[in-house]
Amino acid sequence: MDDLTRVDLEIVLPREGFAPDSYRLYGGFGAGECYVLDHGPAGWEVYYSERGTKGGLRVFRTEGEACGYFLDLLRRDPTTRQRR
């Protein structure tokens, strides 16, 4: 999964049924609690946004590493799925 990109995630995440408000692919804190992928000065950041904080911040050298980790986080958290 090291070649996964944000563009790939834009396709994969809706297809797998993730709720759009459970993640952000281009930074920011969202309108509540959500997983965030961002590219900052230190590298590719993945974190959980909660009350304006970056919880569980991890920084990766490559986009592929960050996107793979991001997708894994979402898949392991059942609260990220859309309710039917």
PDB file of N, CA and C in Angstrom:
ATOM      1  N   MET A   1       0.811  -1.202   0.000  1.00  0.00           N
ATOM      2  CA  MET A   1       0.000   0.000   0.000  1.00  0.00           C
ATOM      3  C   MET A   1       0.851   1.261   0.000  1.00  0.00           C
ATOM      4  N   ASP A   2       2.131   1.136  -0.194  1.00  0.00           N
ATOM      5  CA  ASP A   2       3.013   2.305  -0.157  1.00  0.00           C
ATOM      6  C   ASP A   2       2.833   3.230  -1.351  1.00  0.00           C
ATOM      7  N   ASP A   3       2.060   2.802  -2.357  1.00  0.00           N
ATOM      8  CA  ASP A   3       1.852   3.674  -3.504  1.00  0.00           C
ATOM      9  C   ASP A   3       0.470   4.330  -3.490  1.00  0.00           C
ATOM     10  N   LEU A   4      -0.271   4.172  -2.418  1.00  0.00           N
ATOM     11  CA  LEU A   4      -1.593   4.778  -2.253  1.00  0.00           C
ATOM     12  C   LEU A   4      -1.452   6.296  -2.130  1.00  0.00           C
ATOM     13  N   THR A   5      -2.352   7.048  -2.767  1.00  0.00           N
ATOM     14  CA  THR A   5      -2.309   8.511  -2.726  1.00  0.00           C
ATOM     15  C   THR A   5      -3.629   9.065  -2.192  1.00  0.00           C
ATOM     16  N   ARG A   6      -3.638  10.359  -1.926  1.00  0.00           N
ATOM     17  CA  ARG A   6      -4.889  11.014  -1.503  1.00  0.00           C
ATOM     18  C   ARG A   6      -5.949  10.888  -2.587  1.00  0.00           C
ATOM     19  N   VAL A   7      -5.542  10.997  -3.834  1.00  0.00           N
ATOM     20  CA  VAL A   7      -6.489  10.859  -4.942  1.00  0.00           C
ATOM     21  C   VAL A   7      -7.124   9.465  -4.913  1.00  0.00           C
ATOM     22  N   ASP A   8      -6.316   8.440  -4.630  1.00  0.00           N
ATOM     23  CA  ASP A   8      -6.850   7.083  -4.495  1.00  0.00           C
ATOM     24  C   ASP A   8      -7.861   7.018  -3.360  1.00  0.00           C
ATOM     25  N   LEU A   9      -7.533   7.652  -2.237  1.00  0.00           N
ATOM     26  CA  LEU A   9      -8.433   7.631  -1.083  1.00  0.00           C
ATOM     27  C   LEU A   9      -9.763   8.319  -1.384  1.00  0.00           C
ATOM     28  N   GLU A  10      -9.740   9.342  -2.237  1.00  0.00           N
ATOM     29  CA  GLU A  10     -10.977  10.018  -2.617  1.00  0.00           C
ATOM     30  C   GLU A  10     -11.948   9.052  -3.294  1.00  0.00           C
ATOM     31  N   ILE A  11     -11.422   8.019  -3.920  1.00  0.00           N
ATOM     32  CA  ILE A  11     -12.240   7.003  -4.585  1.00  0.00           C
ATOM     33  C   ILE A  11     -12.580   5.859  -3.624  1.00  0.00           C
ATOM     34  N   VAL A  12     -11.573   5.382  -2.914  1.00  0.00           N
ATOM     35  CA  VAL A  12     -11.719   4.208  -2.043  1.00  0.00           C
ATOM     36  C   VAL A  12     -12.646   4.465  -0.854  1.00  0.00           C
ATOM     37  N   LEU A  13     -12.502   5.595  -0.188  1.00  0.00           N
ATOM     38  CA  LEU A  13     -13.247   5.823   1.054  1.00  0.00           C
ATOM     39  C   LEU A  13     -14.767   5.847   0.846  1.00  0.00           C
ATOM     40  N   PRO A  14     -15.296   6.577  -0.131  1.00  0.00           N
ATOM     41  CA  PRO A  14     -16.753   6.511  -0.343  1.00  0.00           C
ATOM     42  C   PRO A  14     -17.213   5.119  -0.785  1.00  0.00           C
ATOM     43  N   ARG A  15     -16.398   4.476  -1.609  1.00  0.00           N
ATOM     44  CA  ARG A  15     -16.743   3.135  -2.104  1.00  0.00           C
ATOM     45  C   ARG A  15     -16.855   2.131  -0.950  1.00  0.00           C
ATOM     46  N   GLU A  16     -16.001   2.293   0.069  1.00  0.00           N
ATOM     47  CA  GLU A  16     -16.034   1.382   1.216  1.00  0.00           C
ATOM     48  C   GLU A  16     -17.062   1.794   2.265  1.00  0.00           C
ATOM     49  N   GLY A  17     -17.774   2.885   2.022  1.00  0.00           N
ATOM     50  CA  GLY A  17     -18.866   3.269   2.910  1.00  0.00           C
ATOM     51  C   GLY A  17     -18.482   4.099   4.119  1.00  0.00           C
ATOM     52  N   PHE A  18     -17.362   4.801   4.053  1.00  0.00           N
ATOM     53  CA  PHE A  18     -16.983   5.660   5.168  1.00  0.00           C
ATOM     54  C   PHE A  18     -17.802   6.945   5.146  1.00  0.00           C
ATOM     55  N   ALA A  19     -18.230   7.379   6.312  1.00  0.00           N
ATOM     56  CA  ALA A  19     -19.009   8.612   6.430  1.00  0.00           C
ATOM     57  C   ALA A  19     -18.114   9.801   6.081  1.00  0.00           C
ATOM     58  N   PRO A  20     -18.584  10.699   5.210  1.00  0.00           N
ATOM     59  CA  PRO A  20     -17.752  11.840   4.810  1.00  0.00           C
ATOM     60  C   PRO A  20     -17.309  12.730   5.968  1.00  0.00           C
ATOM     61  N   ASP A  21     -18.085  12.787   7.034  1.00  0.00           N
ATOM     62  CA  ASP A  21     -17.692  13.629   8.161  1.00  0.00           C
ATOM     63  C   ASP A  21     -16.746  12.932   9.138  1.00  0.00           C
ATOM     64  N   SER A  22     -16.342  11.694   8.825  1.00  0.00           N
ATOM     65  CA  SER A  22     -15.430  10.965   9.709  1.00  0.00           C
ATOM     66  C   SER A  22     -13.963  11.172   9.328  1.00  0.00           C
ATOM     67  N   TYR A  23     -13.717  11.876   8.216  1.00  0.00           N
ATOM     68  CA  TYR A  23     -12.341  12.083   7.777  1.00  0.00           C
ATOM     69  C   TYR A  23     -12.207  13.367   6.975  1.00  0.00           C
ATOM     70  N   ARG A  24     -10.959  13.828   6.882  1.00  0.00           N
ATOM     71  CA  ARG A  24     -10.576  14.961   6.019  1.00  0.00           C
ATOM     72  C   ARG A  24      -9.258  14.591   5.357  1.00  0.00           C
ATOM     73  N   LEU A  25      -9.189  14.762   4.065  1.00  0.00           N
ATOM     74  CA  LEU A  25      -7.989  14.370   3.321  1.00  0.00           C
ATOM     75  C   LEU A  25      -7.030  15.517   3.047  1.00  0.00           C
ATOM     76  N   TYR A  26      -7.458  16.736   3.328  1.00  0.00           N
ATOM     77  CA  TYR A  26      -6.619  17.884   3.002  1.00  0.00           C
ATOM     78  C   TYR A  26      -6.447  18.813   4.198  1.00  0.00           C
ATOM     79  N   GLY A  27      -6.238  18.228   5.363  1.00  0.00           N
ATOM     80  CA  GLY A  27      -5.945  19.011   6.556  1.00  0.00           C
ATOM     81  C   GLY A  27      -7.153  19.645   7.190  1.00  0.00           C
ATOM     82  N   GLY A  28      -6.883  20.404   8.241  1.00  0.00           N
ATOM     83  CA  GLY A  28      -7.946  21.068   8.986  1.00  0.00           C
ATOM     84  C   GLY A  28      -8.428  20.217  10.137  1.00  0.00           C
ATOM     85  N   PHE A  29      -9.359  20.772  10.865  1.00  0.00           N
ATOM     86  CA  PHE A  29      -9.847  20.061  12.040  1.00  0.00           C
ATOM     87  C   PHE A  29     -11.262  19.531  11.880  1.00  0.00           C
ATOM     88  N   GLY A  30     -11.939  19.864  10.820  1.00  0.00           N
ATOM     89  CA  GLY A  30     -13.276  19.334  10.601  1.00  0.00           C
ATOM     90  C   GLY A  30     -14.292  19.958  11.531  1.00  0.00           C
ATOM     91  N   ALA A  31     -15.516  19.516  11.365  1.00  0.00           N
ATOM     92  CA  ALA A  31     -16.625  20.046  12.171  1.00  0.00           C
ATOM     93  C   ALA A  31     -16.961  19.047  13.260  1.00  0.00           C
ATOM     94  N   GLY A  32     -16.009  18.706  14.055  1.00  0.00           N
ATOM     95  CA  GLY A  32     -16.207  17.699  15.094  1.00  0.00           C
ATOM     96  C   GLY A  32     -15.001  16.774  15.125  1.00  0.00           C
ATOM     97  N   GLU A  33     -15.235  15.562  15.530  1.00  0.00           N
ATOM     98  CA  GLU A  33     -14.158  14.591  15.624  1.00  0.00           C
ATOM     99  C   GLU A  33     -14.011  13.850  14.302  1.00  0.00           C
ATOM    100  N   CYS A  34     -12.773  13.771  13.805  1.00  0.00           N
ATOM    101  CA  CYS A  34     -12.531  13.059  12.552  1.00  0.00           C
ATOM    102  C   CYS A  34     -11.046  12.751  12.400  1.00  0.00           C
ATOM    103  N   TYR A  35     -10.755  11.816  11.512  1.00  0.00           N
ATOM    104  CA  TYR A  35      -9.373  11.500  11.154  1.00  0.00           C
ATOM    105  C   TYR A  35      -8.935  12.458  10.065  1.00  0.00           C
ATOM    106  N   VAL A  36      -7.678  12.891  10.129  1.00  0.00           N
ATOM    107  CA  VAL A  36      -7.179  13.900   9.190  1.00  0.00           C
ATOM    108  C   VAL A  36      -5.855  13.452   8.570  1.00  0.00           C
ATOM    109  N   LEU A  37      -5.734  13.702   7.270  1.00  0.00           N
ATOM    110  CA  LEU A  37      -4.500  13.501   6.527  1.00  0.00           C
ATOM    111  C   LEU A  37      -4.084  14.874   6.017  1.00  0.00           C
ATOM    112  N   ASP A  38      -2.829  15.228   6.219  1.00  0.00           N
ATOM    113  CA  ASP A  38      -2.365  16.546   5.794  1.00  0.00           C
ATOM    114  C   ASP A  38      -0.897  16.468   5.410  1.00  0.00           C
ATOM    115  N   HIS A  39      -0.485  17.356   4.539  1.00  0.00           N
ATOM    116  CA  HIS A  39       0.923  17.451   4.182  1.00  0.00           C
ATOM    117  C   HIS A  39       1.461  18.753   4.754  1.00  0.00           C
ATOM    118  N   GLY A  40       2.325  18.647   5.737  1.00  0.00           N
ATOM    119  CA  GLY A  40       2.882  19.814   6.406  1.00  0.00           C
ATOM    120  C   GLY A  40       4.375  19.914   6.200  1.00  0.00           C
ATOM    121  N   PRO A  41       5.002  20.910   6.809  1.00  0.00           N
ATOM    122  CA  PRO A  41       6.446  21.124   6.656  1.00  0.00           C
ATOM    123  C   PRO A  41       7.292  19.946   7.146  1.00  0.00           C
ATOM    124  N   ALA A  42       6.789  19.233   8.139  1.00  0.00           N
ATOM    125  CA  ALA A  42       7.561  18.112   8.696  1.00  0.00           C
ATOM    126  C   ALA A  42       7.355  16.818   7.916  1.00  0.00           C
ATOM    127  N   GLY A  43       6.341  16.781   7.047  1.00  0.00           N
ATOM    128  CA  GLY A  43       6.043  15.569   6.285  1.00  0.00           C
ATOM    129  C   GLY A  43       4.539  15.344   6.215  1.00  0.00           C
ATOM    130  N   TRP A  44       4.158  14.120   5.950  1.00  0.00           N
ATOM    131  CA  TRP A  44       2.751  13.740   5.849  1.00  0.00           C
ATOM    132  C   TRP A  44       2.209  13.422   7.239  1.00  0.00           C
ATOM    133  N   GLU A  45       1.203  14.160   7.666  1.00  0.00           N
ATOM    134  CA  GLU A  45       0.643  14.011   9.010  1.00  0.00           C
ATOM    135  C   GLU A  45      -0.677  13.246   8.972  1.00  0.00           C
ATOM    136  N   VAL A  46      -0.837  12.373   9.938  1.00  0.00           N
ATOM    137  CA  VAL A  46      -2.102  11.687  10.167  1.00  0.00           C
ATOM    138  C   VAL A  46      -2.416  11.869  11.641  1.00  0.00           C
ATOM    139  N   TYR A  47      -3.631  12.327  11.926  1.00  0.00           N
ATOM    140  CA  TYR A  47      -4.020  12.537  13.315  1.00  0.00           C
ATOM    141  C   TYR A  47      -5.528  12.457  13.473  1.00  0.00           C
ATOM    142  N   TYR A  48      -5.965  12.425  14.719  1.00  0.00           N
ATOM    143  CA  TYR A  48      -7.378  12.444  15.051  1.00  0.00           C
ATOM    144  C   TYR A  48      -7.701  13.824  15.602  1.00  0.00           C
ATOM    145  N   SER A  49      -8.568  14.530  14.898  1.00  0.00           N
ATOM    146  CA  SER A  49      -8.948  15.881  15.303  1.00  0.00           C
ATOM    147  C   SER A  49     -10.078  15.804  16.324  1.00  0.00           C
ATOM    148  N   GLU A  50      -9.827  16.393  17.480  1.00  0.00           N
ATOM    149  CA  GLU A  50     -10.831  16.416  18.540  1.00  0.00           C
ATOM    150  C   GLU A  50     -10.677  17.722  19.308  1.00  0.00           C
ATOM    151  N   ARG A  51     -11.728  18.535  19.272  1.00  0.00           N
ATOM    152  CA  ARG A  51     -11.726  19.837  19.958  1.00  0.00           C
ATOM    153  C   ARG A  51     -10.513  20.688  19.600  1.00  0.00           C
ATOM    154  N   GLY A  52     -10.161  20.702  18.332  1.00  0.00           N
ATOM    155  CA  GLY A  52      -9.068  21.549  17.873  1.00  0.00           C
ATOM    156  C   GLY A  52      -7.672  21.050  18.200  1.00  0.00           C
ATOM    157  N   THR A  53      -7.545  19.778  18.578  1.00  0.00           N
ATOM    158  CA  THR A  53      -6.220  19.229  18.870  1.00  0.00           C
ATOM    159  C   THR A  53      -5.894  18.097  17.896  1.00  0.00           C
ATOM    160  N   LYS A  54      -4.602  17.829  17.743  1.00  0.00           N
ATOM    161  CA  LYS A  54      -4.129  16.749  16.884  1.00  0.00           C
ATOM    162  C   LYS A  54      -3.782  15.542  17.746  1.00  0.00           C
ATOM    163  N   GLY A  55      -4.762  14.736  18.028  1.00  0.00           N
ATOM    164  CA  GLY A  55      -4.540  13.555  18.851  1.00  0.00           C
ATOM    165  C   GLY A  55      -3.885  12.438  18.064  1.00  0.00           C
ATOM    166  N   GLY A  56      -2.947  11.747  18.691  1.00  0.00           N
ATOM    167  CA  GLY A  56      -2.289  10.599  18.062  1.00  0.00           C
ATOM    168  C   GLY A  56      -1.506  10.947  16.811  1.00  0.00           C
ATOM    169  N   LEU A  57      -0.951  12.145  16.754  1.00  0.00           N
ATOM    170  CA  LEU A  57      -0.231  12.618  15.567  1.00  0.00           C
ATOM    171  C   LEU A  57       0.907  11.677  15.197  1.00  0.00           C
ATOM    172  N   ARG A  58       0.915  11.278  13.928  1.00  0.00           N
ATOM    173  CA  ARG A  58       2.028  10.511  13.347  1.00  0.00           C
ATOM    174  C   ARG A  58       2.477  11.239  12.101  1.00  0.00           C
ATOM    175  N   VAL A  59       3.778  11.315  11.883  1.00  0.00           N
ATOM    176  CA  VAL A  59       4.324  11.987  10.712  1.00  0.00           C
ATOM    177  C   VAL A  59       5.087  10.950   9.881  1.00  0.00           C
ATOM    178  N   PHE A  60       4.844  10.979   8.569  1.00  0.00           N
ATOM    179  CA  PHE A  60       5.444  10.018   7.648  1.00  0.00           C
ATOM    180  C   PHE A  60       6.248  10.751   6.590  1.00  0.00           C
ATOM    181  N   ARG A  61       7.270  10.077   6.073  1.00  0.00           N
ATOM    182  CA  ARG A  61       8.104  10.660   5.028  1.00  0.00           C
ATOM    183  C   ARG A  61       7.395  10.691   3.679  1.00  0.00           C
ATOM    184  N   THR A  62       6.596   9.658   3.395  1.00  0.00           N
ATOM    185  CA  THR A  62       5.984   9.567   2.071  1.00  0.00           C
ATOM    186  C   THR A  62       4.460   9.592   2.151  1.00  0.00           C
ATOM    187  N   GLU A  63       3.863  10.030   1.065  1.00  0.00           N
ATOM    188  CA  GLU A  63       2.408  10.052   0.950  1.00  0.00           C
ATOM    189  C   GLU A  63       1.844   8.631   1.045  1.00  0.00           C
ATOM    190  N   GLY A  64       2.504   7.684   0.416  1.00  0.00           N
ATOM    191  CA  GLY A  64       2.032   6.300   0.433  1.00  0.00           C
ATOM    192  C   GLY A  64       1.966   5.707   1.827  1.00  0.00           C
ATOM    193  N   GLU A  65       2.999   5.950   2.618  1.00  0.00           N
ATOM    194  CA  GLU A  65       3.011   5.451   3.999  1.00  0.00           C
ATOM    195  C   GLU A  65       1.874   6.069   4.802  1.00  0.00           C
ATOM    196  N   ALA A  66       1.694   7.382   4.655  1.00  0.00           N
ATOM    197  CA  ALA A  66       0.645   8.089   5.398  1.00  0.00           C
ATOM    198  C   ALA A  66      -0.742   7.626   4.974  1.00  0.00           C
ATOM    199  N   CYS A  67      -0.954   7.483   3.688  1.00  0.00           N
ATOM    200  CA  CYS A  67      -2.271   7.072   3.187  1.00  0.00           C
ATOM    201  C   CYS A  67      -2.609   5.642   3.613  1.00  0.00           C
ATOM    202  N   GLY A  68      -1.622   4.766   3.592  1.00  0.00           N
ATOM    203  CA  GLY A  68      -1.850   3.392   4.045  1.00  0.00           C
ATOM    204  C   GLY A  68      -2.221   3.338   5.513  1.00  0.00           C
ATOM    205  N   TYR A  69      -1.519   4.085   6.319  1.00  0.00           N
ATOM    206  CA  TYR A  69      -1.806   4.154   7.754  1.00  0.00           C
ATOM    207  C   TYR A  69      -3.188   4.764   7.991  1.00  0.00           C
ATOM    208  N   PHE A  70      -3.501   5.826   7.266  1.00  0.00           N
ATOM    209  CA  PHE A  70      -4.790   6.509   7.379  1.00  0.00           C
ATOM    210  C   PHE A  70      -5.940   5.551   7.062  1.00  0.00           C
ATOM    211  N   LEU A  71      -5.829   4.830   5.958  1.00  0.00           N
ATOM    212  CA  LEU A  71      -6.868   3.876   5.565  1.00  0.00           C
ATOM    213  C   LEU A  71      -7.024   2.780   6.617  1.00  0.00           C
ATOM    214  N   ASP A  72      -5.924   2.302   7.147  1.00  0.00           N
ATOM    215  CA  ASP A  72      -5.977   1.274   8.189  1.00  0.00           C
ATOM    216  C   ASP A  72      -6.699   1.789   9.436  1.00  0.00           C
ATOM    217  N   LEU A  73      -6.428   3.027   9.834  1.00  0.00           N
ATOM    218  CA  LEU A  73      -7.118   3.610  10.993  1.00  0.00           C
ATOM    219  C   LEU A  73      -8.624   3.638  10.776  1.00  0.00           C
ATOM    220  N   LEU A  74      -9.031   4.097   9.608  1.00  0.00           N
ATOM    221  CA  LEU A  74     -10.461   4.173   9.318  1.00  0.00           C
ATOM    222  C   LEU A  74     -11.105   2.788   9.300  1.00  0.00           C
ATOM    223  N   ARG A  75     -10.440   1.836   8.706  1.00  0.00           N
ATOM    224  CA  ARG A  75     -10.993   0.472   8.630  1.00  0.00           C
ATOM    225  C   ARG A  75     -11.135  -0.169  10.008  1.00  0.00           C
ATOM    226  N   ARG A  76     -10.246   0.167  10.929  1.00  0.00           N
ATOM    227  CA  ARG A  76     -10.299  -0.424  12.272  1.00  0.00           C
ATOM    228  C   ARG A  76     -11.312   0.255  13.192  1.00  0.00           C
ATOM    229  N   ASP A  77     -11.830   1.415  12.800  1.00  0.00           N
ATOM    230  CA  ASP A  77     -12.755   2.161  13.647  1.00  0.00           C
ATOM    231  C   ASP A  77     -14.180   2.032  13.091  1.00  0.00           C
ATOM    232  N   PRO A  78     -15.018   1.224  13.729  1.00  0.00           N
ATOM    233  CA  PRO A  78     -16.383   1.006  13.200  1.00  0.00           C
ATOM    234  C   PRO A  78     -17.255   2.263  13.210  1.00  0.00           C
ATOM    235  N   THR A  79     -16.897   3.277  13.961  1.00  0.00           N
ATOM    236  CA  THR A  79     -17.700   4.496  14.015  1.00  0.00           C
ATOM    237  C   THR A  79     -17.535   5.369  12.770  1.00  0.00           C
ATOM    238  N   THR A  80     -16.593   5.019  11.896  1.00  0.00           N
ATOM    239  CA  THR A  80     -16.354   5.817  10.696  1.00  0.00           C
ATOM    240  C   THR A  80     -17.272   5.426   9.532  1.00  0.00           C
ATOM    241  N   ARG A  81     -18.023   4.355   9.684  1.00  0.00           N
ATOM    242  CA  ARG A  81     -18.899   3.889   8.604  1.00  0.00           C
ATOM    243  C   ARG A  81     -20.217   4.648   8.584  1.00  0.00           C
ATOM    244  N   GLN A  82     -20.758   4.799   7.387  1.00  0.00           N
ATOM    245  CA  GLN A  82     -22.054   5.460   7.248  1.00  0.00           C
ATOM    246  C   GLN A  82     -23.135   4.571   7.841  1.00  0.00           C
ATOM    247  N   ARG A  83     -24.087   5.207   8.461  1.00  0.00           N
ATOM    248  CA  ARG A  83     -25.208   4.468   9.026  1.00  0.00           C
ATOM    249  C   ARG A  83     -26.226   4.243   7.925  1.00  0.00           C
ATOM    250  N   ARG A  84     -26.793   3.076   7.899  1.00  0.00           N
ATOM    251  CA  ARG A  84     -27.780   2.738   6.850  1.00  0.00           C
ATOM    252  C   ARG A  84     -29.150   2.633   7.425  1.00  0.00           C
TER     253      ARG A  84
END
